[in-house]
Protein backbone atom coordinates (compact mmCIF):
# COMPACT_ATOMS: atom_id res chain seq x y z
CA MET A 1 35.06 18.35 -15.56
CA THR A 2 31.98 17.52 -13.52
CA LYS A 3 31.43 16.57 -9.90
CA GLY A 4 29.90 13.60 -8.12
CA SER A 5 26.60 15.28 -7.35
CA ASP A 6 26.12 16.25 -11.00
CA LEU A 7 26.71 12.65 -12.02
CA LEU A 8 24.18 11.48 -9.43
CA VAL A 9 21.45 13.83 -10.63
CA ALA A 10 22.18 13.08 -14.29
CA ALA A 11 21.89 9.37 -13.51
CA LEU A 12 18.55 9.98 -11.77
CA GLU A 13 17.28 11.95 -14.78
CA ASN A 14 18.47 9.05 -16.95
CA GLU A 15 16.14 6.80 -14.90
CA GLY A 16 13.18 9.09 -15.56
CA VAL A 17 13.05 10.56 -12.05
CA ASP A 18 10.82 13.66 -12.07
CA ARG A 19 10.65 14.44 -8.33
CA ILE A 20 12.57 13.74 -5.15
CA PHE A 21 10.91 13.83 -1.72
CA GLY A 22 12.89 14.77 1.34
CA ILE A 23 14.71 17.10 3.69
CA PRO A 24 18.31 17.87 2.73
CA GLY A 25 21.07 18.66 5.20
CA GLU A 26 24.52 20.15 5.22
CA GLU A 27 26.00 16.98 3.70
CA ASN A 28 23.62 17.19 0.69
CA LEU A 29 24.27 20.77 -0.38
CA ASP A 30 26.17 19.80 -3.55
CA VAL A 31 23.33 17.43 -4.46
CA VAL A 32 20.74 20.15 -3.81
CA GLU A 33 22.60 22.52 -6.13
CA SER A 34 22.74 19.84 -8.82
CA ILE A 35 19.00 19.25 -8.43
CA ARG A 36 18.38 23.01 -8.74
CA LYS A 37 20.06 22.97 -12.17
CA SER A 38 18.17 19.85 -13.31
CA SER A 39 14.66 18.97 -14.50
CA ILE A 40 13.87 17.23 -11.21
CA GLU A 41 11.49 18.79 -8.69
CA LEU A 42 12.57 18.77 -5.03
CA VAL A 43 9.49 18.15 -2.87
CA LEU A 44 10.46 19.46 0.55
CA THR A 45 8.61 17.65 3.34
CA ARG A 46 8.35 18.39 7.07
CA HIS A 47 9.59 15.00 8.27
CA GLU A 48 11.85 12.41 6.66
CA GLN A 49 9.44 9.59 7.51
CA ALA A 50 6.76 11.27 5.40
CA ALA A 51 9.23 11.61 2.52
CA ALA A 52 9.85 7.86 2.61
CA PHE A 53 6.12 7.08 2.69
CA MET A 54 5.64 9.39 -0.29
CA ALA A 55 8.48 7.83 -2.30
CA ALA A 56 7.19 4.32 -1.53
CA THR A 57 3.64 5.21 -2.59
CA TYR A 58 4.98 6.77 -5.78
CA GLY A 59 6.56 3.39 -6.50
CA ARG A 60 3.38 1.52 -5.60
CA LEU A 61 1.24 3.59 -7.97
CA THR A 62 3.62 3.89 -10.94
CA GLY A 63 5.70 0.72 -10.73
CA LYS A 64 8.81 2.94 -10.99
CA PRO A 65 11.02 3.59 -7.95
CA GLY A 66 10.17 6.71 -5.97
CA VAL A 67 13.19 8.64 -4.66
CA CYS A 68 13.75 10.30 -1.30
CA LEU A 69 16.69 12.30 0.03
CA THR A 70 17.88 13.01 3.56
CA THR A 71 20.98 14.04 5.42
CA LEU A 72 23.11 11.73 7.57
CA GLY A 73 22.47 10.33 11.07
CA PRO A 74 19.11 11.46 12.49
CA GLY A 75 17.61 12.34 9.11
CA ALA A 76 18.67 9.05 7.55
CA LEU A 77 17.42 7.01 10.50
CA ASN A 78 14.02 8.67 10.18
CA LEU A 79 13.66 6.77 6.89
CA SER A 80 13.70 3.42 8.69
CA THR A 81 9.93 3.01 9.08
CA GLY A 82 9.40 4.05 5.45
CA ALA A 83 12.03 1.55 4.34
CA ALA A 84 10.23 -1.25 6.19
CA TYR A 85 6.91 -0.01 4.75
CA ALA A 86 8.31 -0.36 1.21
CA LEU A 87 10.08 -3.66 1.92
CA LEU A 88 7.05 -5.43 3.36
CA GLY A 89 4.65 -3.74 0.93
CA ALA A 90 6.81 -4.53 -2.16
CA MET A 91 7.05 -0.90 -3.24
CA PRO A 92 10.06 0.14 -5.38
CA MET A 93 11.99 3.01 -3.79
CA VAL A 94 15.52 4.48 -3.78
CA MET A 95 16.69 6.28 -0.64
CA ILE A 96 19.69 8.61 -0.93
CA THR A 97 21.34 9.78 2.29
CA GLY A 98 24.33 11.99 3.01
CA GLN A 99 27.36 11.29 5.16
CA LYS A 100 30.44 13.08 6.47
CA GLY A 101 33.50 12.98 4.26
CA ILE A 102 35.30 9.66 4.03
CA LEU A 103 38.56 10.98 2.58
CA SER A 104 39.18 13.16 5.62
CA SER A 105 37.62 13.51 9.07
CA ARG A 106 37.55 17.18 10.07
CA GLN A 107 34.46 16.72 12.28
CA ALA A 108 35.56 13.42 13.83
CA ARG A 109 32.53 11.23 14.63
CA PHE A 110 29.96 14.05 14.98
CA GLN A 111 26.53 12.75 13.86
CA VAL A 112 28.13 9.69 12.27
CA VAL A 113 26.01 6.53 12.42
CA ASP A 114 26.57 3.44 10.30
CA VAL A 115 23.40 4.00 8.30
CA VAL A 116 24.34 1.46 5.62
CA ALA A 117 24.52 -1.28 8.26
CA SER A 118 21.25 -0.16 9.83
CA MET A 119 19.51 -0.26 6.42
CA LYS A 120 20.70 -3.69 5.32
CA PRO A 121 17.87 -5.65 7.03
CA LEU A 122 15.30 -3.12 5.76
CA THR A 123 16.30 -3.00 2.08
CA LYS A 124 17.11 -5.16 -0.93
CA LEU A 125 20.49 -3.40 -1.20
CA ALA A 126 22.35 -0.85 0.94
CA ARG A 127 25.61 0.61 -0.34
CA GLN A 128 27.98 3.53 0.24
CA ILE A 129 29.32 5.27 -2.87
CA VAL A 130 33.08 5.70 -2.49
CA SER A 131 34.00 7.15 -5.90
CA PRO A 132 32.29 9.52 -8.35
CA GLN A 133 33.14 7.16 -11.23
CA MET A 134 30.94 4.50 -9.58
CA ILE A 135 27.82 6.65 -9.53
CA PRO A 136 26.23 5.85 -12.94
CA THR A 137 26.59 2.08 -12.56
CA THR A 138 25.55 2.14 -8.90
CA VAL A 139 22.40 4.16 -9.64
CA ARG A 140 21.46 1.88 -12.55
CA GLU A 141 21.91 -1.19 -10.33
CA ALA A 142 19.89 0.43 -7.54
CA PHE A 143 16.92 1.12 -9.81
CA ARG A 144 17.06 -2.34 -11.38
CA ILE A 145 17.10 -4.07 -7.99
CA ALA A 146 14.36 -1.83 -6.57
CA GLN A 147 12.09 -2.57 -9.51
CA GLU A 148 12.59 -6.26 -10.18
CA GLU A 149 10.37 -8.82 -8.45
CA ARG A 150 9.88 -8.70 -5.55
CA PRO A 151 10.06 -4.82 -5.65
CA GLY A 152 11.32 -2.93 -2.63
CA PRO A 153 13.65 -0.25 -1.26
CA VAL A 154 17.33 0.34 -2.01
CA HIS A 155 19.61 2.62 0.00
CA LEU A 156 22.56 4.63 -1.37
CA GLU A 157 24.80 6.70 0.89
CA LEU A 158 26.70 9.54 -0.78
CA PRO A 159 29.40 11.14 1.42
CA GLU A 160 29.75 14.88 1.04
CA ASP A 161 33.33 14.80 -0.26
CA ILE A 162 32.43 12.25 -2.95
CA ALA A 163 29.49 14.46 -3.96
CA ALA A 164 31.77 17.49 -4.23
CA GLU A 165 34.72 15.74 -5.90
CA GLU A 166 35.47 16.78 -9.46
CA CYS A 167 36.03 14.08 -12.04
CA GLN A 168 35.89 13.35 -15.73
CA GLU A 169 32.52 12.78 -17.35
CA VAL A 170 31.33 9.19 -16.95
CA ALA A 171 28.93 7.65 -19.46
CA LEU A 172 25.42 6.92 -18.22
CA ILE A 173 23.86 3.48 -18.67
CA ALA A 174 20.57 3.34 -20.53
CA PRO A 175 17.77 1.56 -18.62
CA HIS A 176 16.22 -1.45 -20.29
CA GLN A 177 12.90 -3.22 -19.91
CA LEU A 178 12.86 -5.88 -17.20
CA GLU A 179 11.37 -9.06 -18.65
CA LEU A 180 9.87 -11.59 -16.29
CA PRO A 181 10.15 -15.33 -17.03
CA ALA A 182 7.10 -17.22 -18.24
CA ALA A 183 5.58 -20.09 -16.29
CA SER A 184 6.42 -23.56 -17.58
CA ASP A 185 3.89 -25.53 -19.61
CA ALA A 186 4.15 -28.41 -17.14
CA ALA A 187 3.20 -26.16 -14.20
CA LEU A 188 0.32 -24.65 -16.18
CA ASP A 189 -0.95 -28.12 -17.16
CA ARG A 190 -0.87 -29.34 -13.55
CA ALA A 191 -2.72 -26.27 -12.29
CA ALA A 192 -5.30 -26.52 -15.08
CA ALA A 193 -5.97 -30.16 -14.20
CA LEU A 194 -6.52 -29.33 -10.53
CA ILE A 195 -8.86 -26.44 -11.38
CA ALA A 196 -10.83 -28.49 -13.92
CA ALA A 197 -11.33 -31.27 -11.37
CA ALA A 198 -12.47 -28.93 -8.58
CA LYS A 199 -16.09 -29.20 -7.44
CA ARG A 200 -16.17 -25.82 -5.68
CA PRO A 201 -13.32 -23.58 -6.97
CA LEU A 202 -12.65 -20.08 -5.65
CA LEU A 203 -10.19 -17.39 -6.75
CA MET A 204 -8.28 -15.09 -4.41
CA PHE A 205 -6.37 -11.96 -5.47
CA GLY A 206 -3.54 -10.73 -3.27
CA ALA A 207 -1.17 -7.80 -3.02
CA ALA A 208 1.06 -8.71 -5.97
CA ALA A 209 -1.98 -8.78 -8.26
CA SER A 210 -2.14 -4.99 -7.81
CA ARG A 211 1.08 -4.35 -9.74
CA PRO A 212 0.23 -1.73 -12.40
CA ARG A 213 1.26 -4.03 -15.29
CA SER A 214 -1.03 -6.95 -14.35
CA THR A 215 -4.58 -5.71 -14.03
CA SER A 216 -5.97 -6.14 -17.57
CA ASP A 217 -4.94 -9.82 -17.82
CA ILE A 218 -6.39 -10.48 -14.37
CA ALA A 219 -9.78 -9.13 -15.37
CA GLN A 220 -9.81 -11.25 -18.53
CA PHE A 221 -9.01 -14.39 -16.52
CA VAL A 222 -12.06 -13.85 -14.32
CA ILE A 223 -14.30 -13.13 -17.29
CA ARG A 224 -13.07 -16.19 -19.21
CA THR A 225 -13.23 -18.71 -16.34
CA ARG A 226 -16.28 -17.27 -14.51
CA ILE A 227 -14.94 -18.49 -11.15
CA PRO A 228 -16.10 -16.39 -8.16
CA PHE A 229 -13.35 -14.50 -6.37
CA PHE A 230 -12.47 -12.74 -3.14
CA THR A 231 -9.51 -10.50 -2.34
CA THR A 232 -7.04 -9.79 0.40
CA GLN A 233 -7.00 -6.27 1.79
CA MET A 234 -4.16 -5.21 -0.53
CA GLY A 235 -5.66 -7.09 -3.48
CA LYS A 236 -8.84 -5.02 -3.56
CA GLY A 237 -9.72 -3.53 -6.92
CA THR A 238 -7.60 -5.87 -9.02
CA VAL A 239 -10.74 -6.99 -10.87
CA PRO A 240 -12.94 -4.14 -12.11
CA GLY A 241 -16.53 -3.97 -10.92
CA GLY A 242 -19.29 -5.44 -13.04
CA THR A 243 -18.30 -9.12 -13.19
CA GLU A 244 -20.91 -10.02 -10.51
CA LEU A 245 -18.44 -12.63 -9.23
CA TYR A 246 -16.98 -10.72 -6.29
CA MET A 247 -17.59 -12.55 -3.01
CA GLY A 248 -16.00 -10.11 -0.56
CA THR A 249 -12.70 -9.13 1.01
CA ALA A 250 -10.93 -11.03 3.77
CA ALA A 251 -10.46 -8.22 6.27
CA LEU A 252 -10.13 -10.87 9.02
CA SER A 253 -8.33 -14.21 8.94
CA GLU A 254 -11.37 -16.34 9.79
CA ARG A 255 -15.04 -16.38 10.85
CA ASP A 256 -16.13 -13.43 8.69
CA TYR A 257 -18.96 -13.84 6.19
CA VAL A 258 -16.64 -14.17 3.18
CA HIS A 259 -15.21 -17.22 4.94
CA GLU A 260 -18.52 -19.01 4.29
CA ALA A 261 -17.29 -19.37 0.71
CA ILE A 262 -13.69 -20.11 1.72
CA GLU A 263 -14.80 -22.87 4.10
CA GLN A 264 -16.90 -24.57 1.42
CA ALA A 265 -14.30 -24.32 -1.37
CA ASP A 266 -12.39 -27.49 -2.25
CA LEU A 267 -9.77 -25.50 -4.23
CA ILE A 268 -8.55 -21.93 -3.81
CA ILE A 269 -6.50 -20.42 -6.62
CA THR A 270 -4.43 -17.62 -5.06
CA ILE A 271 -3.17 -15.04 -7.53
CA GLY A 272 -0.43 -12.73 -6.33
CA HIS A 273 -0.69 -13.75 -2.68
CA ASP A 274 2.15 -12.52 -0.49
CA THR A 275 2.29 -13.97 3.02
CA ILE A 276 3.61 -10.64 4.26
CA GLU A 277 -0.10 -9.74 4.49
CA LYS A 278 -2.07 -10.75 7.54
CA PRO A 279 -3.52 -14.15 6.53
CA PRO A 280 -6.78 -13.85 4.55
CA PHE A 281 -7.52 -17.50 5.40
CA ILE A 282 -5.75 -20.24 7.34
CA MET A 283 -4.88 -23.53 5.71
CA GLY A 284 -5.30 -26.63 7.83
CA LYS A 285 -5.93 -30.34 7.74
CA GLY A 286 -9.06 -31.18 5.78
CA GLY A 287 -9.27 -27.72 4.23
CA PRO A 288 -9.21 -26.77 0.56
CA LYS A 289 -6.22 -27.42 -1.68
CA VAL A 290 -4.40 -24.32 -2.90
CA VAL A 291 -2.86 -23.43 -6.26
CA HIS A 292 -0.37 -20.55 -5.94
CA ILE A 293 0.04 -18.31 -8.99
CA GLY A 294 2.67 -15.62 -8.51
CA TYR A 295 5.77 -13.83 -9.66
CA GLN A 296 7.76 -15.75 -7.09
CA PRO A 297 7.45 -19.14 -5.39
CA ALA A 298 5.21 -19.34 -2.35
CA THR A 299 6.69 -18.69 1.05
CA VAL A 300 5.67 -21.78 3.00
CA GLU A 301 4.20 -20.82 6.35
CA GLN A 302 2.26 -22.53 9.10
CA VAL A 303 -0.92 -21.08 7.63
CA TYR A 304 -0.03 -21.33 3.92
CA PHE A 305 1.48 -24.33 2.10
CA PRO A 306 0.09 -24.62 -1.46
CA GLN A 307 -0.04 -27.98 -3.23
CA SER A 308 0.71 -26.55 -6.70
CA GLU A 309 2.57 -23.48 -7.98
CA VAL A 310 2.63 -21.53 -11.23
CA ILE A 311 5.59 -19.16 -11.13
CA GLY A 312 6.26 -16.42 -13.68
CA ASP A 313 4.82 -13.19 -15.02
CA ILE A 314 1.26 -13.22 -13.68
CA GLY A 315 -0.44 -11.69 -16.73
CA PRO A 316 0.85 -14.16 -19.34
CA SER A 317 0.44 -17.03 -16.85
CA LEU A 318 -3.24 -16.24 -16.42
CA LYS A 319 -3.75 -15.87 -20.16
CA ALA A 320 -2.16 -19.27 -20.79
CA LEU A 321 -4.19 -20.82 -17.96
CA ALA A 322 -7.44 -19.33 -19.29
CA ASP A 323 -6.64 -20.80 -22.73
CA ARG A 324 -6.57 -24.23 -21.07
CA LEU A 325 -9.72 -23.72 -18.99
CA GLU A 326 -12.21 -21.55 -20.88
CA GLY A 327 -15.45 -23.44 -21.49
CA LYS A 328 -14.25 -26.50 -19.57
CA LEU A 329 -15.34 -25.65 -16.03
CA PRO A 330 -18.88 -26.96 -15.38
CA ASN A 331 -18.44 -26.33 -11.63
CA ALA A 332 -16.97 -22.83 -11.97
CA GLN A 333 -19.89 -21.08 -10.25
CA ALA A 334 -20.71 -23.72 -7.65
CA LEU A 335 -20.14 -21.24 -4.80
CA LEU A 336 -21.81 -18.25 -6.44
CA TYR A 337 -25.11 -18.90 -4.66
CA LEU A 338 -23.46 -17.64 -1.45
CA ARG A 339 -22.60 -14.25 -2.93
CA GLU A 340 -25.84 -12.35 -2.32
CA ARG A 341 -26.10 -13.50 1.30
CA ILE A 342 -22.45 -12.62 2.05
CA LEU A 343 -22.64 -9.16 0.53
CA GLU A 344 -26.01 -8.41 2.17
CA ARG A 345 -24.65 -9.27 5.60
CA ILE A 346 -21.55 -7.17 5.10
CA ALA A 347 -23.63 -4.20 3.94
CA ALA A 348 -26.18 -4.51 6.75
CA ARG A 349 -27.13 -1.36 8.71
CA ALA A 350 -24.99 0.84 6.45
CA THR A 351 -27.55 3.66 6.35
CA GLU A 352 -28.37 3.98 10.05
CA ASP A 353 -28.57 7.53 11.33
CA ARG A 354 -25.36 7.26 13.36
CA PHE A 355 -21.63 7.80 12.87
CA THR A 356 -21.01 4.07 12.55
CA PRO A 357 -18.09 2.78 10.47
CA GLN A 358 -20.59 1.19 8.06
CA ARG A 359 -22.32 4.54 7.48
CA LEU A 360 -19.01 6.34 6.92
CA VAL A 361 -17.96 3.74 4.34
CA HIS A 362 -21.37 3.86 2.64
CA ASP A 363 -21.42 7.64 2.28
CA ILE A 364 -17.81 7.88 1.13
CA ARG A 365 -18.43 5.26 -1.56
CA GLU A 366 -21.31 7.37 -2.88
CA VAL A 367 -19.13 10.50 -3.01
CA MET A 368 -16.10 8.85 -4.66
CA PRO A 369 -16.22 8.19 -8.42
CA HIS A 370 -15.00 4.85 -9.76
CA ASP A 371 -11.46 6.20 -10.19
CA GLY A 372 -11.36 8.14 -6.91
CA ILE A 373 -8.51 7.16 -4.60
CA LEU A 374 -8.72 6.56 -0.86
CA ALA A 375 -5.47 6.36 1.11
CA LEU A 376 -6.02 4.80 4.53
CA ASP A 377 -3.90 5.17 7.59
CA ASN A 378 -3.96 2.31 10.12
CA GLY A 379 -6.67 1.94 12.70
CA MET A 380 -9.96 0.22 13.44
CA TYR A 381 -11.63 1.87 10.46
CA LYS A 382 -9.25 0.03 8.09
CA ILE A 383 -11.02 -3.26 8.79
CA TRP A 384 -14.38 -1.69 7.98
CA PHE A 385 -13.16 -0.17 4.71
CA ALA A 386 -11.52 -3.46 3.72
CA ARG A 387 -14.77 -5.36 4.40
CA ASN A 388 -17.36 -2.88 3.17
CA TYR A 389 -15.83 -0.57 0.55
CA ARG A 390 -16.44 -1.84 -3.00
CA THR A 391 -13.54 -0.99 -5.34
CA ARG A 392 -13.95 -0.73 -9.10
CA MET A 393 -10.37 -0.09 -10.20
CA ALA A 394 -6.96 -1.30 -9.09
CA ASN A 395 -5.02 0.89 -6.67
CA THR A 396 -7.99 3.05 -5.71
CA LEU A 397 -7.96 1.87 -2.09
CA LEU A 398 -4.43 2.30 -0.77
CA LEU A 399 -4.08 0.55 2.55
CA ASP A 400 -1.17 -1.15 4.24
CA ASN A 401 -1.79 -4.69 5.44
CA ALA A 402 1.91 -5.60 5.53
CA LEU A 403 3.84 -3.35 7.93
CA ALA A 404 0.48 -1.78 8.89
CA THR A 405 2.14 1.36 10.21
CA MET A 406 0.37 4.44 11.45
CA GLY A 407 1.30 7.78 9.92
CA ALA A 408 1.36 6.75 6.25
CA GLY A 409 -2.17 7.72 5.20
CA LEU A 410 -1.73 11.46 4.64
CA PRO A 411 1.65 11.24 2.80
CA SER A 412 0.30 8.45 0.59
CA ALA A 413 -2.76 10.49 -0.35
CA MET A 414 -0.55 13.49 -1.16
CA VAL A 415 1.41 11.47 -3.72
CA ALA A 416 -1.80 10.15 -5.27
CA SER A 417 -3.00 13.73 -5.63
CA MET A 418 0.30 14.75 -7.26
CA LEU A 419 0.16 11.89 -9.75
CA TYR A 420 -3.57 12.16 -10.52
CA PRO A 421 -4.58 15.81 -10.03
CA GLU A 422 -7.76 15.28 -12.06
CA ARG A 423 -9.09 12.56 -9.74
CA ARG A 424 -10.72 12.81 -6.33
CA VAL A 425 -8.27 11.81 -3.62
CA MET A 426 -9.05 11.40 0.08
CA ALA A 427 -6.84 10.54 3.03
CA ILE A 428 -8.67 8.63 5.77
CA CYS A 429 -6.96 8.80 9.14
CA GLY A 430 -7.77 8.13 12.75
CA ASP A 431 -6.91 10.90 15.17
CA GLY A 432 -3.94 8.86 16.43
CA GLY A 433 -2.37 8.13 13.04
CA PHE A 434 -3.14 11.58 11.64
CA MET A 435 -1.19 13.34 14.38
CA MET A 436 1.90 11.25 13.62
CA ASN A 437 2.46 13.11 10.33
CA SER A 438 -0.10 15.91 10.49
CA GLN A 439 2.63 18.49 9.85
CA GLU A 440 2.52 17.45 6.19
CA LEU A 441 -0.67 19.51 5.85
CA GLU A 442 1.72 22.43 5.37
CA THR A 443 3.44 20.55 2.53
CA ALA A 444 0.10 19.77 0.89
CA VAL A 445 -1.00 23.41 1.10
CA ARG A 446 2.37 24.67 -0.18
CA LEU A 447 2.17 22.30 -3.16
CA LYS A 448 -1.41 23.49 -3.88
CA LEU A 449 -2.75 19.94 -3.87
CA ASN A 450 -6.43 19.12 -4.19
CA LEU A 451 -7.01 16.79 -1.27
CA VAL A 452 -9.67 15.95 1.28
CA VAL A 453 -8.36 14.70 4.63
CA LEU A 454 -10.92 12.84 6.74
CA VAL A 455 -9.98 12.62 10.42
CA ILE A 456 -12.04 10.05 12.33
CA GLU A 457 -12.02 11.02 15.99
CA ASP A 458 -12.47 8.74 18.99
CA ASN A 459 -9.79 10.28 21.26
CA ALA A 460 -8.03 6.93 21.58
CA TYR A 461 -5.80 4.39 19.92
CA GLY A 462 -9.05 2.69 18.98
CA MET A 463 -7.93 -0.65 17.56
CA ILE A 464 -5.74 -1.51 20.52
CA ARG A 465 -8.42 -0.29 22.92
CA TRP A 466 -10.92 -2.58 21.19
CA LYS A 467 -8.58 -5.58 21.42
CA GLN A 468 -7.92 -4.72 25.06
CA ALA A 469 -11.67 -4.95 25.71
CA VAL A 470 -12.09 -8.15 23.66
CA ASP A 471 -9.33 -9.79 25.71
CA GLU A 472 -11.12 -8.62 28.88
CA PHE A 473 -8.36 -6.32 30.10
CA PRO A 474 -9.32 -3.12 31.95
CA ASP A 475 -9.65 0.02 29.82
CA PHE A 476 -6.26 1.63 30.45
CA GLY A 477 -3.58 3.65 28.72
CA MET A 478 -5.19 4.17 25.29
CA THR A 479 -7.00 7.54 25.46
CA PHE A 480 -5.75 11.06 24.76
CA GLY A 481 -6.90 14.59 23.97
CA ASN A 482 -6.96 16.24 20.57
CA PRO A 483 -6.56 19.74 19.18
CA ASP A 484 -9.46 21.52 17.55
CA PHE A 485 -8.90 19.91 14.15
CA VAL A 486 -10.71 22.66 12.24
CA LYS A 487 -8.52 25.37 13.74
CA TYR A 488 -5.49 23.13 13.34
CA ALA A 489 -6.14 22.80 9.58
CA GLU A 490 -6.77 26.50 9.24
CA SER A 491 -3.48 27.31 10.94
CA TYR A 492 -1.72 25.61 8.01
CA GLY A 493 -3.76 27.49 5.43
CA ALA A 494 -6.15 24.61 4.74
CA ARG A 495 -9.89 24.65 5.24
CA GLY A 496 -11.59 22.68 7.98
CA THR A 497 -15.10 21.44 8.75
CA ARG A 498 -16.44 19.42 11.64
CA VAL A 499 -19.50 17.26 10.94
CA ASP A 500 -21.80 16.73 13.92
CA ASP A 501 -24.84 15.51 11.95
CA ILE A 502 -24.35 12.34 9.90
CA GLY A 503 -27.05 13.55 7.54
CA GLN A 504 -24.71 16.35 6.42
CA PHE A 505 -21.66 14.14 5.89
CA LYS A 506 -22.02 13.50 2.15
CA GLN A 507 -22.85 17.15 1.44
CA VAL A 508 -19.77 18.32 3.35
CA LEU A 509 -17.54 15.92 1.40
CA GLU A 510 -19.03 17.05 -1.92
CA GLU A 511 -18.43 20.69 -1.02
CA ALA A 512 -14.88 19.91 0.12
CA PHE A 513 -14.03 18.32 -3.22
CA ALA A 514 -15.81 21.03 -5.20
CA GLY A 515 -13.93 23.78 -3.37
CA GLY A 516 -10.50 22.40 -4.30
CA GLY A 517 -7.34 22.82 -2.28
CA VAL A 518 -6.70 21.02 1.01
CA HIS A 519 -9.80 20.50 3.16
CA LEU A 520 -9.82 18.63 6.49
CA VAL A 521 -13.14 17.06 7.50
CA ASN A 522 -13.43 15.93 11.13
CA VAL A 523 -16.06 13.36 12.18
CA PRO A 524 -16.74 11.41 15.38
CA VAL A 525 -17.19 7.65 15.19
CA ASP A 526 -19.39 5.17 17.04
CA TYR A 527 -17.15 2.14 17.52
CA SER A 528 -19.75 0.14 19.44
CA GLU A 529 -20.18 -1.70 16.13
CA ASN A 530 -16.75 -3.26 16.63
CA GLU A 531 -18.07 -5.33 19.51
CA ARG A 532 -21.54 -5.95 18.05
CA VAL A 533 -20.41 -7.10 14.59
CA LEU A 534 -16.77 -8.14 14.73
CA VAL A 535 -17.05 -10.02 18.00
CA LYS A 536 -20.61 -11.02 18.96
CA GLU A 537 -22.16 -11.40 15.50
CA LEU A 538 -19.20 -13.32 14.05
CA ARG A 539 -18.91 -15.43 17.19
CA GLU A 540 -22.55 -16.45 16.71
CA ARG A 541 -21.60 -17.66 13.23
CA LEU A 542 -19.07 -20.12 14.69
CA PRO A 543 -21.62 -22.89 15.47
CA GLN A 544 -22.77 -22.67 11.85
CA ILE A 545 -19.17 -23.18 10.72
CA LEU A 546 -18.82 -26.29 12.86
CA GLU A 547 -21.98 -27.77 11.36
CA VAL A 548 -20.76 -27.39 7.76
């Protein structure tokens, strides 16, 4: 005889699960005991939201569903933001929550919330397990649904009496490789004809191009066609550095310097674009035509309505398309002459002797090796890193341009450090976002991670304060005080350093990485550049746009 919780954990092992993030409760105690006797590591976090962010990022980086575990009611509901983060960001994840017994009701309705109903709009599947015999098939289905395109979160609720119930052994179901359909020859021929006829073609790589399985075919497509490209924020790094065809990243929807190329293109080939991201450009009357290449059909929006679609596994689609186009694109590099001017303007004033966002990005890029990973929280600095930080490998700049939630930066960096302990990993957080999950410093220290946590301090919710000023509202309701971040880090057993001289910034980061362990680095920031560059300078470019 076995019990439900043993079947659950055996099914998770069968799926290759090596760690579970979370905070168990009374209703999970049978599951915890089954985990104790298994090969799976329980990563105990300090908040359920952080556990969900960690499981989602595990899925983002590996392509395999991350798993998180919580109790019922309040613990389960704390997964909601992480569920939305994974759903909008297309990150495979399985959430397992507890519940009071369903065969009897000795505690009446104490702590009982209909978590399955609350999770339905935030997941691809939400289901309560009502019998131990269902567990192997339910777990297999959960992992399949979480992983297939479009990836996302699945929720399973396991009541405590089902977890504890004894039953006969039930056979596990072996996972199998998920094969994606290939694009049709007719769609490939139509797209190839449009691209071959274009006078000023431009490639764009979006979030779905960052899937771990796609990156080598994407790089070959760029090399074989020689068409210049730009990326969305979540598409950064999909093409390795060195092609000399990168035109920039669309950190804004319009007016930025990369839009000089977008505005002059007569055809944009979007690869892996997901309209869940803030628009990288806005389609309109008289603008360029768009060819959509993706795992799934385009979602037609007011700002995005492609004229041609190639739907199927992106890697083989691009290989087949390159076979049709290689050596047949005389106009491939028609927009390349804009590249140097765009990149020079974006990189301007990056070495000034001030704590500007440009200087922070510049110095961090020099400290991070090509495979170093930055995990960004959400704030004003995210725009600057999206614009200015040059990536050389896929998934080395982890930012969220879908749900765009605060609080995810530190947990995401922790998972990257767990998965890649030999690589430099840095969390980049504003003081607002950092304090939303700063308690996970204790988790990072306890797990003996090697991690640098950069806290950018402006004593305000800086992005909203900036938009408040741009919209000419009074400065109100956005500022706060902070702890002494160095002492705060030290209270958790981490190291801490405050940098007051920008000339010492790179040296401090080098020493933080060299010293190992968890090291918080606190810097001020001069956000006057937000107004100077992102408002005044780009507004001055508008007359030039109208003349084109």
